[in-house]
């Protein structure tokens, strides 16, 4: 082997080392990107889970409010029904006493 051939082989070895370093850098960059993607995915999962919990809390609060309103409305309607029943009975008793009075007046005239 001559000096020229040794120089060519040395240059090729230098290029191979250079390319090897570039490939290692690319691998490192890919690993770094992979880690960033994984971290971002985990952050997104955590955020989504947090939002789900918040939505569930809001849903539970709304259900509680709706149930409370339903109970208040039901109680109010029941109170009005009792009041209406009471007034109807009062009116009915007045009507009956009027009819009895009229009938007795007609009979004993």
PDB file of N, CA and C in Angstrom:
ATOM      1  N   UNK A   1       0.834  -1.175   0.000  1.00  0.00           N
ATOM      2  CA  UNK A   1       0.000   0.000   0.000  1.00  0.00           C
ATOM      3  C   UNK A   1       0.876   1.235   0.000  1.00  0.00           C
ATOM      4  N   UNK A   2       0.436   2.148  -0.788  1.00  0.00           N
ATOM      5  CA  UNK A   2       1.214   3.362  -0.891  1.00  0.00           C
ATOM      6  C   UNK A   2       0.686   4.431   0.052  1.00  0.00           C
ATOM      7  N   UNK A   3       1.414   5.531   0.076  1.00  0.00           N
ATOM      8  CA  UNK A   3       1.072   6.654   0.958  1.00  0.00           C
ATOM      9  C   UNK A   3      -0.260   7.246   0.540  1.00  0.00           C
ATOM     10  N   UNK A   4      -0.518   7.302  -0.736  1.00  0.00           N
ATOM     11  CA  UNK A   4      -1.768   7.883  -1.246  1.00  0.00           C
ATOM     12  C   UNK A   4      -2.944   7.036  -0.780  1.00  0.00           C
ATOM     13  N   UNK A   5      -2.768   5.742  -0.855  1.00  0.00           N
ATOM     14  CA  UNK A   5      -3.855   4.857  -0.446  1.00  0.00           C
ATOM     15  C   UNK A   5      -4.103   4.961   1.059  1.00  0.00           C
ATOM     16  N   UNK A   6      -3.047   5.108   1.838  1.00  0.00           N
ATOM     17  CA  UNK A   6      -3.185   5.252   3.295  1.00  0.00           C
ATOM     18  C   UNK A   6      -3.900   6.559   3.610  1.00  0.00           C
ATOM     19  N   UNK A   7      -3.579   7.627   2.870  1.00  0.00           N
ATOM     20  CA  UNK A   7      -4.232   8.917   3.078  1.00  0.00           C
ATOM     21  C   UNK A   7      -5.708   8.824   2.728  1.00  0.00           C
ATOM     22  N   UNK A   8      -6.017   8.116   1.635  1.00  0.00           N
ATOM     23  CA  UNK A   8      -7.422   7.945   1.248  1.00  0.00           C
ATOM     24  C   UNK A   8      -8.187   7.165   2.322  1.00  0.00           C
ATOM     25  N   UNK A   9      -7.561   6.118   2.820  1.00  0.00           N
ATOM     26  CA  UNK A   9      -8.207   5.311   3.863  1.00  0.00           C
ATOM     27  C   UNK A   9      -8.380   6.148   5.124  1.00  0.00           C
ATOM     28  N   UNK A  10      -7.389   6.970   5.461  1.00  0.00           N
ATOM     29  CA  UNK A  10      -7.484   7.837   6.640  1.00  0.00           C
ATOM     30  C   UNK A  10      -8.616   8.842   6.471  1.00  0.00           C
ATOM     31  N   UNK A  11      -8.733   9.419   5.256  1.00  0.00           N
ATOM     32  CA  UNK A  11      -9.816  10.365   4.992  1.00  0.00           C
ATOM     33  C   UNK A  11     -11.167   9.666   5.085  1.00  0.00           C
ATOM     34  N   UNK A  12     -11.263   8.476   4.519  1.00  0.00           N
ATOM     35  CA  UNK A  12     -12.515   7.718   4.600  1.00  0.00           C
ATOM     36  C   UNK A  12     -12.867   7.378   6.047  1.00  0.00           C
ATOM     37  N   UNK A  13     -11.859   6.997   6.817  1.00  0.00           N
ATOM     38  CA  UNK A  13     -12.114   6.709   8.232  1.00  0.00           C
ATOM     39  C   UNK A  13     -12.597   7.969   8.953  1.00  0.00           C
ATOM     40  N   UNK A  14     -11.988   9.113   8.621  1.00  0.00           N
ATOM     41  CA  UNK A  14     -12.411  10.398   9.214  1.00  0.00           C
ATOM     42  C   UNK A  14     -13.854  10.711   8.845  1.00  0.00           C
ATOM     43  N   UNK A  15     -14.208  10.472   7.578  1.00  0.00           N
ATOM     44  CA  UNK A  15     -15.585  10.722   7.122  1.00  0.00           C
ATOM     45  C   UNK A  15     -16.568   9.781   7.824  1.00  0.00           C
ATOM     46  N   UNK A  16     -16.156   8.527   7.950  1.00  0.00           N
ATOM     47  CA  UNK A  16     -17.022   7.549   8.622  1.00  0.00           C
ATOM     48  C   UNK A  16     -17.248   7.972  10.073  1.00  0.00           C
ATOM     49  N   UNK A  17     -16.180   8.425  10.725  1.00  0.00           N
ATOM     50  CA  UNK A  17     -16.328   8.898  12.108  1.00  0.00           C
ATOM     51  C   UNK A  17     -17.252  10.109  12.161  1.00  0.00           C
ATOM     52  N   UNK A  18     -17.095  11.011  11.223  1.00  0.00           N
ATOM     53  CA  UNK A  18     -17.928  12.208  11.157  1.00  0.00           C
ATOM     54  C   UNK A  18     -19.389  11.812  10.946  1.00  0.00           C
ATOM     55  N   UNK A  19     -19.615  10.910   9.999  1.00  0.00           N
ATOM     56  CA  UNK A  19     -20.976  10.446   9.739  1.00  0.00           C
ATOM     57  C   UNK A  19     -21.542   9.709  10.957  1.00  0.00           C
ATOM     58  N   UNK A  20     -20.695   8.955  11.616  1.00  0.00           N
ATOM     59  CA  UNK A  20     -21.110   8.241  12.811  1.00  0.00           C
ATOM     60  C   UNK A  20     -21.546   9.227  13.903  1.00  0.00           C
ATOM     61  N   UNK A  21     -20.786  10.326  14.055  1.00  0.00           N
ATOM     62  CA  UNK A  21     -21.159  11.350  15.028  1.00  0.00           C
ATOM     63  C   UNK A  21     -22.483  12.006  14.643  1.00  0.00           C
ATOM     64  N   UNK A  22     -22.683  12.266  13.362  1.00  0.00           N
ATOM     65  CA  UNK A  22     -23.934  12.874  12.906  1.00  0.00           C
ATOM     66  C   UNK A  22     -25.114  11.934  13.162  1.00  0.00           C
ATOM     67  N   UNK A  23     -24.896  10.645  12.872  1.00  0.00           N
ATOM     68  CA  UNK A  23     -25.954   9.659  13.133  1.00  0.00           C
ATOM     69  C   UNK A  23     -26.256   9.613  14.633  1.00  0.00           C
ATOM     70  N   UNK A  24     -25.216   9.667  15.476  1.00  0.00           N
ATOM     71  CA  UNK A  24     -25.430   9.677  16.922  1.00  0.00           C
ATOM     72  C   UNK A  24     -26.201  10.931  17.348  1.00  0.00           C
ATOM     73  N   UNK A  25     -25.840  12.075  16.727  1.00  0.00           N
ATOM     74  CA  UNK A  25     -26.571  13.320  17.032  1.00  0.00           C
ATOM     75  C   UNK A  25     -28.035  13.199  16.611  1.00  0.00           C
ATOM     76  N   UNK A  26     -28.266  12.614  15.450  1.00  0.00           N
ATOM     77  CA  UNK A  26     -29.643  12.433  14.972  1.00  0.00           C
ATOM     78  C   UNK A  26     -30.407  11.503  15.913  1.00  0.00           C
ATOM     79  N   UNK A  27     -29.770  10.422  16.341  1.00  0.00           N
ATOM     80  CA  UNK A  27     -30.400   9.504  17.297  1.00  0.00           C
ATOM     81  C   UNK A  27     -30.738  10.242  18.592  1.00  0.00           C
ATOM     82  N   UNK A  28     -29.801  11.067  19.043  1.00  0.00           N
ATOM     83  CA  UNK A  28     -30.017  11.836  20.269  1.00  0.00           C
ATOM     84  C   UNK A  28     -31.196  12.802  20.101  1.00  0.00           C
ATOM     85  N   UNK A  29     -31.224  13.478  18.950  1.00  0.00           N
ATOM     86  CA  UNK A  29     -32.340  14.394  18.672  1.00  0.00           C
ATOM     87  C   UNK A  29     -33.674  13.644  18.628  1.00  0.00           C
ATOM     88  N   UNK A  30     -33.677  12.484  18.004  1.00  0.00           N
ATOM     89  CA  UNK A  30     -34.900  11.681  17.924  1.00  0.00           C
ATOM     90  C   UNK A  30     -35.341  11.254  19.321  1.00  0.00           C
ATOM     91  N   UNK A  31     -34.404  10.807  20.134  1.00  0.00           N
ATOM     92  CA  UNK A  31     -34.742  10.426  21.513  1.00  0.00           C
ATOM     93  C   UNK A  31     -35.276  11.614  22.299  1.00  0.00           C
ATOM     94  N   UNK A  32     -34.652  12.764  22.091  1.00  0.00           N
ATOM     95  CA  UNK A  32     -35.108  13.968  22.767  1.00  0.00           C
ATOM     96  C   UNK A  32     -36.530  14.325  22.332  1.00  0.00           C
ATOM     97  N   UNK A  33     -36.792  14.257  21.025  1.00  0.00           N
ATOM     98  CA  UNK A  33     -38.133  14.523  20.519  1.00  0.00           C
ATOM     99  C   UNK A  33     -39.142  13.511  21.062  1.00  0.00           C
ATOM    100  N   UNK A  34     -38.731  12.253  21.113  1.00  0.00           N
ATOM    101  CA  UNK A  34     -39.605  11.204  21.645  1.00  0.00           C
ATOM    102  C   UNK A  34     -39.977  11.519  23.089  1.00  0.00           C
ATOM    103  N   UNK A  35     -38.981  11.921  23.866  1.00  0.00           N
ATOM    104  CA  UNK A  35     -39.237  12.255  25.271  1.00  0.00           C
ATOM    105  C   UNK A  35     -40.162  13.464  25.402  1.00  0.00           C
ATOM    106  N   UNK A  36     -39.975  14.451  24.534  1.00  0.00           N
ATOM    107  CA  UNK A  36     -40.851  15.623  24.547  1.00  0.00           C
ATOM    108  C   UNK A  36     -42.287  15.236  24.194  1.00  0.00           C
ATOM    109  N   UNK A  37     -42.442  14.374  23.197  1.00  0.00           N
ATOM    110  CA  UNK A  37     -43.779  13.923  22.798  1.00  0.00           C
ATOM    111  C   UNK A  37     -44.443  13.168  23.948  1.00  0.00           C
ATOM    112  N   UNK A  38     -43.693  12.305  24.595  1.00  0.00           N
ATOM    113  CA  UNK A  38     -44.235  11.541  25.735  1.00  0.00           C
ATOM    114  C   UNK A  38     -44.632  12.489  26.856  1.00  0.00           C
ATOM    115  N   UNK A  39     -43.773  13.466  27.154  1.00  0.00           N
ATOM    116  CA  UNK A  39     -44.077  14.427  28.220  1.00  0.00           C
ATOM    117  C   UNK A  39     -45.322  15.246  27.866  1.00  0.00           C
ATOM    118  N   UNK A  40     -45.396  15.685  26.622  1.00  0.00           N
ATOM    119  CA  UNK A  40     -46.560  16.461  26.182  1.00  0.00           C
ATOM    120  C   UNK A  40     -47.821  15.615  26.252  1.00  0.00           C
ATOM    121  N   UNK A  41     -47.725  14.361  25.829  1.00  0.00           N
ATOM    122  CA  UNK A  41     -48.882  13.460  25.885  1.00  0.00           C
ATOM    123  C   UNK A  41     -49.335  13.276  27.337  1.00  0.00           C
ATOM    124  N   UNK A  42     -48.390  13.112  28.244  1.00  0.00           N
ATOM    125  CA  UNK A  42     -48.741  12.951  29.663  1.00  0.00           C
ATOM    126  C   UNK A  42     -49.388  14.217  30.221  1.00  0.00           C
ATOM    127  N   UNK A  43     -48.846  15.375  29.841  1.00  0.00           N
ATOM    128  CA  UNK A  43     -49.448  16.642  30.271  1.00  0.00           C
ATOM    129  C   UNK A  43     -50.881  16.757  29.757  1.00  0.00           C
ATOM    130  N   UNK A  44     -51.088  16.400  28.502  1.00  0.00           N
ATOM    131  CA  UNK A  44     -52.432  16.464  27.912  1.00  0.00           C
ATOM    132  C   UNK A  44     -53.380  15.513  28.633  1.00  0.00           C
ATOM    133  N   UNK A  45     -52.916  14.307  28.932  1.00  0.00           N
ATOM    134  CA  UNK A  45     -53.755  13.351  29.664  1.00  0.00           C
ATOM    135  C   UNK A  45     -54.138  13.910  31.024  1.00  0.00           C
ATOM    136  N   UNK A  46     -53.162  14.482  31.717  1.00  0.00           N
ATOM    137  CA  UNK A  46     -53.443  15.066  33.035  1.00  0.00           C
ATOM    138  C   UNK A  46     -54.439  16.207  32.928  1.00  0.00           C
ATOM    139  N   UNK A  47     -54.268  17.038  31.916  1.00  0.00           N
ATOM    140  CA  UNK A  47     -55.187  18.173  31.722  1.00  0.00           C
ATOM    141  C   UNK A  47     -56.584  17.669  31.396  1.00  0.00           C
ATOM    142  N   UNK A  48     -56.674  16.676  30.535  1.00  0.00           N
ATOM    143  CA  UNK A  48     -57.982  16.107  30.179  1.00  0.00           C
ATOM    144  C   UNK A  48     -58.639  15.493  31.412  1.00  0.00           C
ATOM    145  N   UNK A  49     -57.881  14.761  32.206  1.00  0.00           N
ATOM    146  CA  UNK A  49     -58.438  14.172  33.430  1.00  0.00           C
ATOM    147  C   UNK A  49     -58.902  15.253  34.401  1.00  0.00           C
ATOM    148  N   UNK A  50     -58.129  16.314  34.491  1.00  0.00           N
ATOM    149  CA  UNK A  50     -58.516  17.433  35.355  1.00  0.00           C
ATOM    150  C   UNK A  50     -59.814  18.056  34.870  1.00  0.00           C
ATOM    151  N   UNK A  51     -59.919  18.248  33.566  1.00  0.00           N
ATOM    152  CA  UNK A  51     -61.155  18.815  33.001  1.00  0.00           C
ATOM    153  C   UNK A  51     -62.337  17.874  33.211  1.00  0.00           C
ATOM    154  N   UNK A  52     -62.111  16.578  33.092  1.00  0.00           N
ATOM    155  CA  UNK A  52     -63.192  15.622  33.342  1.00  0.00           C
ATOM    156  C   UNK A  52     -63.683  15.721  34.778  1.00  0.00           C
ATOM    157  N   UNK A  53     -62.738  15.816  35.711  1.00  0.00           N
ATOM    158  CA  UNK A  53     -63.136  15.947  37.118  1.00  0.00           C
ATOM    159  C   UNK A  53     -63.930  17.234  37.333  1.00  0.00           C
ATOM    160  N   UNK A  54     -63.464  18.314  36.716  1.00  0.00           N
ATOM    161  CA  UNK A  54     -64.149  19.592  36.861  1.00  0.00           C
ATOM    162  C   UNK A  54     -65.555  19.519  36.276  1.00  0.00           C
ATOM    163  N   UNK A  55     -65.686  18.895  35.117  1.00  0.00           N
ATOM    164  CA  UNK A  55     -67.006  18.748  34.494  1.00  0.00           C
ATOM    165  C   UNK A  55     -67.912  17.891  35.367  1.00  0.00           C
ATOM    166  N   UNK A  56     -67.380  16.806  35.923  1.00  0.00           N
ATOM    167  CA  UNK A  56     -68.178  15.964  36.809  1.00  0.00           C
ATOM    168  C   UNK A  56     -68.620  16.730  38.052  1.00  0.00           C
ATOM    169  N   UNK A  57     -67.726  17.549  38.606  1.00  0.00           N
ATOM    170  CA  UNK A  57     -68.090  18.363  39.765  1.00  0.00           C
ATOM    171  C   UNK A  57     -69.210  19.342  39.408  1.00  0.00           C
ATOM    172  N   UNK A  58     -69.076  19.986  38.252  1.00  0.00           N
ATOM    173  CA  UNK A  58     -70.121  20.914  37.809  1.00  0.00           C
ATOM    174  C   UNK A  58     -71.438  20.185  37.562  1.00  0.00           C
ATOM    175  N   UNK A  59     -71.363  18.998  36.961  1.00  0.00           N
ATOM    176  CA  UNK A  59     -72.563  18.206  36.712  1.00  0.00           C
ATOM    177  C   UNK A  59     -73.244  17.841  38.038  1.00  0.00           C
ATOM    178  N   UNK A  60     -72.444  17.420  39.015  1.00  0.00           N
ATOM    179  CA  UNK A  60     -73.009  17.072  40.319  1.00  0.00           C
ATOM    180  C   UNK A  60     -73.643  18.287  40.989  1.00  0.00           C
ATOM    181  N   UNK A  61     -72.978  19.430  40.881  1.00  0.00           N
ATOM    182  CA  UNK A  61     -73.529  20.662  41.464  1.00  0.00           C
ATOM    183  C   UNK A  61     -74.854  21.031  40.793  1.00  0.00           C
ATOM    184  N   UNK A  62     -74.895  20.919  39.460  1.00  0.00           N
ATOM    185  CA  UNK A  62     -76.134  21.243  38.740  1.00  0.00           C
ATOM    186  C   UNK A  62     -77.241  20.264  39.107  1.00  0.00           C
ATOM    187  N   UNK A  63     -76.910  18.987  39.222  1.00  0.00           N
ATOM    188  CA  UNK A  63     -77.917  18.000  39.621  1.00  0.00           C
ATOM    189  C   UNK A  63     -78.454  18.321  41.011  1.00  0.00           C
ATOM    190  N   UNK A  64     -77.582  18.713  41.903  1.00  0.00           N
ATOM    191  CA  UNK A  64     -78.000  19.073  43.258  1.00  0.00           C
ATOM    192  C   UNK A  64     -78.926  20.284  43.236  1.00  0.00           C
ATOM    193  N   UNK A  65     -78.566  21.283  42.448  1.00  0.00           N
ATOM    194  CA  UNK A  65     -79.413  22.484  42.342  1.00  0.00           C
ATOM    195  C   UNK A  65     -80.768  22.141  41.740  1.00  0.00           C
ATOM    196  N   UNK A  66     -80.762  21.327  40.698  1.00  0.00           N
ATOM    197  CA  UNK A  66     -82.022  20.941  40.056  1.00  0.00           C
ATOM    198  C   UNK A  66     -82.894  20.163  41.030  1.00  0.00           C
ATOM    199  N   UNK A  67     -82.291  19.230  41.767  1.00  0.00           N
ATOM    200  CA  UNK A  67     -83.066  18.473  42.754  1.00  0.00           C
ATOM    201  C   UNK A  67     -83.645  19.390  43.817  1.00  0.00           C
ATOM    202  N   UNK A  68     -82.863  20.361  44.260  1.00  0.00           N
ATOM    203  CA  UNK A  68     -83.339  21.312  45.255  1.00  0.00           C
ATOM    204  C   UNK A  68     -84.519  22.115  44.714  1.00  0.00           C
ATOM    205  N   UNK A  69     -84.398  22.576  43.471  1.00  0.00           N
ATOM    206  CA  UNK A  69     -85.491  23.328  42.861  1.00  0.00           C
ATOM    207  C   UNK A  69     -86.734  22.457  42.687  1.00  0.00           C
ATOM    208  N   UNK A  70     -86.536  21.206  42.280  1.00  0.00           N
ATOM    209  CA  UNK A  70     -87.672  20.299  42.137  1.00  0.00           C
ATOM    210  C   UNK A  70     -88.389  20.127  43.471  1.00  0.00           C
ATOM    211  N   UNK A  71     -87.614  19.964  44.538  1.00  0.00           N
ATOM    212  CA  UNK A  71     -88.219  19.804  45.861  1.00  0.00           C
ATOM    213  C   UNK A  71     -88.970  21.060  46.286  1.00  0.00           C
ATOM    214  N   UNK A  72     -88.388  22.223  46.041  1.00  0.00           N
ATOM    215  CA  UNK A  72     -89.054  23.479  46.404  1.00  0.00           C
ATOM    216  C   UNK A  72     -90.338  23.661  45.613  1.00  0.00           C
ATOM    217  N   UNK A  73     -90.288  23.364  44.316  1.00  0.00           N
ATOM    218  CA  UNK A  73     -91.487  23.500  43.483  1.00  0.00           C
ATOM    219  C   UNK A  73     -92.554  22.511  43.925  1.00  0.00           C
ATOM    220  N   UNK A  74     -92.142  21.275  44.200  1.00  0.00           N
ATOM    221  CA  UNK A  74     -93.092  20.255  44.641  1.00  0.00           C
ATOM    222  C   UNK A  74     -93.739  20.656  45.964  1.00  0.00           C
ATOM    223  N   UNK A  75     -92.944  21.165  46.901  1.00  0.00           N
ATOM    224  CA  UNK A  75     -93.486  21.616  48.186  1.00  0.00           C
ATOM    225  C   UNK A  75     -94.458  22.776  47.997  1.00  0.00           C
ATOM    226  N   UNK A  76     -94.112  23.691  47.108  1.00  0.00           N
ATOM    227  CA  UNK A  76     -94.982  24.853  46.841  1.00  0.00           C
ATOM    228  C   UNK A  76     -96.297  24.390  46.220  1.00  0.00           C
ATOM    229  N   UNK A  77     -96.228  23.472  45.269  1.00  0.00           N
ATOM    230  CA  UNK A  77     -97.441  22.957  44.633  1.00  0.00           C
ATOM    231  C   UNK A  77     -98.303  22.215  45.646  1.00  0.00           C
ATOM    232  N   UNK A  78     -97.678  21.409  46.490  1.00  0.00           N
ATOM    233  CA  UNK A  78     -98.441  20.698  47.525  1.00  0.00           C
ATOM    234  C   UNK A  78     -99.119  21.679  48.473  1.00  0.00           C
ATOM    235  N   UNK A  79     -98.425  22.744  48.843  1.00  0.00           N
ATOM    236  CA  UNK A  79     -99.026  23.769  49.701  1.00  0.00           C
ATOM    237  C   UNK A  79    -100.208  24.430  49.028  1.00  0.00           C
ATOM    238  N   UNK A  80    -100.069  24.732  47.754  1.00  0.00           N
ATOM    239  CA  UNK A  80    -101.177  25.346  47.011  1.00  0.00           C
ATOM    240  C   UNK A  80    -102.353  24.384  46.875  1.00  0.00           C
ATOM    241  N   UNK A  81    -102.066  23.101  46.682  1.00  0.00           N
ATOM    242  CA  UNK A  81    -103.142  22.101  46.614  1.00  0.00           C
ATOM    243  C   UNK A  81    -103.923  22.056  47.930  1.00  0.00           C
ATOM    244  N   UNK A  82    -103.204  22.040  49.049  1.00  0.00           N
ATOM    245  CA  UNK A  82    -103.877  22.011  50.357  1.00  0.00           C
ATOM    246  C   UNK A  82    -104.724  23.263  50.558  1.00  0.00           C
ATOM    247  N   UNK A  83    -104.163  24.398  50.146  1.00  0.00           N
ATOM    248  CA  UNK A  83    -104.882  25.659  50.291  1.00  0.00           C
ATOM    249  C   UNK A  83    -106.138  25.655  49.413  1.00  0.00           C
ATOM    250  N   UNK A  84    -106.005  25.160  48.201  1.00  0.00           N
ATOM    251  CA  UNK A  84    -107.141  25.099  47.285  1.00  0.00           C
ATOM    252  C   UNK A  84    -108.200  24.129  47.805  1.00  0.00           C
ATOM    253  N   UNK A  85    -107.766  22.984  48.321  1.00  0.00           N
ATOM    254  CA  UNK A  85    -108.711  22.025  48.900  1.00  0.00           C
ATOM    255  C   UNK A  85    -109.471  22.649  50.063  1.00  0.00           C
ATOM    256  N   UNK A  86    -108.751  23.367  50.915  1.00  0.00           N
ATOM    257  CA  UNK A  86    -109.376  24.012  52.069  1.00  0.00           C
ATOM    258  C   UNK A  86    -110.408  25.041  51.622  1.00  0.00           C
ATOM    259  N   UNK A  87    -110.067  25.858  50.645  1.00  0.00           N
ATOM    260  CA  UNK A  87    -110.995  26.890  50.166  1.00  0.00           C
ATOM    261  C   UNK A  87    -112.186  26.255  49.453  1.00  0.00           C
ATOM    262  N   UNK A  88    -111.937  25.165  48.719  1.00  0.00           N
ATOM    263  CA  UNK A  88    -113.041  24.476  48.050  1.00  0.00           C
ATOM    264  C   UNK A  88    -114.028  23.913  49.072  1.00  0.00           C
ATOM    265  N   UNK A  89    -113.496  23.301  50.140  1.00  0.00           N
ATOM    266  CA  UNK A  89    -114.375  22.761  51.180  1.00  0.00           C
ATOM    267  C   UNK A  89    -115.168  23.872  51.862  1.00  0.00           C
ATOM    268  N   UNK A  90    -114.508  25.016  52.080  1.00  0.00           N
ATOM    269  CA  UNK A  90    -115.213  26.155  52.684  1.00  0.00           C
ATOM    270  C   UNK A  90    -116.342  26.628  51.778  1.00  0.00           C
ATOM    271  N   UNK A  91    -116.038  26.748  50.485  1.00  0.00           N
ATOM    272  CA  UNK A  91    -117.049  27.185  49.521  1.00  0.00           C
ATOM    273  C   UNK A  91    -118.184  26.171  49.422  1.00  0.00           C
ATOM    274  N   UNK A  92    -117.840  24.899  49.426  1.00  0.00           N
ATOM    275  CA  UNK A  92    -118.843  23.846  49.351  1.00  0.00           C
ATOM    276  C   UNK A  92    -119.739  23.863  50.592  1.00  0.00           C
ATOM    277  N   UNK A  93    -119.167  24.074  51.762  1.00  0.00           N
ATOM    278  CA  UNK A  93    -119.986  24.122  52.977  1.00  0.00           C
ATOM    279  C   UNK A  93    -120.912  25.336  52.966  1.00  0.00           C
ATOM    280  N   UNK A  94    -120.437  26.452  52.440  1.00  0.00           N
ATOM    281  CA  UNK A  94    -121.300  27.641  52.313  1.00  0.00           C
ATOM    282  C   UNK A  94    -122.440  27.348  51.348  1.00  0.00           C
ATOM    283  N   UNK A  95    -122.139  26.719  50.233  1.00  0.00           N
ATOM    284  CA  UNK A  95    -123.176  26.379  49.243  1.00  0.00           C
ATOM    285  C   UNK A  95    -124.226  25.449  49.860  1.00  0.00           C
ATOM    286  N   UNK A  96    -123.766  24.429  50.551  1.00  0.00           N
ATOM    287  CA  UNK A  96    -124.692  23.459  51.149  1.00  0.00           C
ATOM    288  C   UNK A  96    -125.574  24.138  52.200  1.00  0.00           C
ATOM    289  N   UNK A  97    -124.969  24.981  53.027  1.00  0.00           N
ATOM    290  CA  UNK A  97    -125.780  25.669  54.042  1.00  0.00           C
ATOM    291  C   UNK A  97    -126.789  26.616  53.391  1.00  0.00           C
ATOM    292  N   UNK A  98    -126.389  27.249  52.266  1.00  0.00           N
ATOM    293  CA  UNK A  98    -127.332  28.108  51.547  1.00  0.00           C
ATOM    294  C   UNK A  98    -128.497  27.302  50.993  1.00  0.00           C
ATOM    295  N   UNK A  99    -128.180  26.143  50.384  1.00  0.00           N
ATOM    296  CA  UNK A  99    -129.246  25.308  49.810  1.00  0.00           C
ATOM    297  C   UNK A  99    -130.199  24.799  50.895  1.00  0.00           C
ATOM    298  N   UNK A 100    -129.624  24.397  52.004  1.00  0.00           N
ATOM    299  CA  UNK A 100    -130.448  23.919  53.115  1.00  0.00           C
ATOM    300  C   UNK A 100    -131.366  25.040  53.602  1.00  0.00           C
ATOM    301  N   UNK A 101    -130.806  26.230  53.737  1.00  0.00           N
ATOM    302  CA  UNK A 101    -131.613  27.378  54.177  1.00  0.00           C
ATOM    303  C   UNK A 101    -132.716  27.680  53.186  1.00  0.00           C
ATOM    304  N   UNK A 102    -132.394  27.669  51.900  1.00  0.00           N
ATOM    305  CA  UNK A 102    -133.407  27.954  50.873  1.00  0.00           C
ATOM    306  C   UNK A 102    -134.486  26.867  50.879  1.00  0.00           C
ATOM    307  N   UNK A 103    -134.072  25.619  50.939  1.00  0.00           N
ATOM    308  CA  UNK A 103    -135.034  24.515  50.924  1.00  0.00           C
ATOM    309  C   UNK A 103    -135.912  24.578  52.165  1.00  0.00           C
ATOM    310  N   UNK A 104    -135.344  24.841  53.321  1.00  0.00           N
ATOM    311  CA  UNK A 104    -136.147  24.940  54.559  1.00  0.00           C
ATOM    312  C   UNK A 104    -137.108  26.139  54.492  1.00  0.00           C
ATOM    313  N   UNK A 105    -136.636  27.225  53.922  1.00  0.00           N
ATOM    314  CA  UNK A 105    -137.496  28.402  53.788  1.00  0.00           C
ATOM    315  C   UNK A 105    -138.674  28.088  52.896  1.00  0.00           C
ATOM    316  N   UNK A 106    -138.436  27.376  51.787  1.00  0.00           N
ATOM    317  CA  UNK A 106    -139.505  27.009  50.862  1.00  0.00           C
ATOM    318  C   UNK A 106    -140.475  26.042  51.535  1.00  0.00           C
ATOM    319  N   UNK A 107    -139.939  25.087  52.252  1.00  0.00           N
ATOM    320  CA  UNK A 107    -140.784  24.063  52.901  1.00  0.00           C
ATOM    321  C   UNK A 107    -141.648  24.644  54.019  1.00  0.00           C
ATOM    322  N   UNK A 108    -141.155  25.537  54.813  1.00  0.00           N
ATOM    323  CA  UNK A 108    -141.895  26.022  55.975  1.00  0.00           C
ATOM    324  C   UNK A 108    -142.523  27.381  55.749  1.00  0.00           C
ATOM    325  N   UNK A 109    -142.772  27.716  54.602  1.00  0.00           N
ATOM    326  CA  UNK A 109    -143.367  28.980  54.259  1.00  0.00           C
ATOM    327  C   UNK A 109    -144.810  29.009  54.440  1.00  0.00           C
TER     328      UNK A 109
END
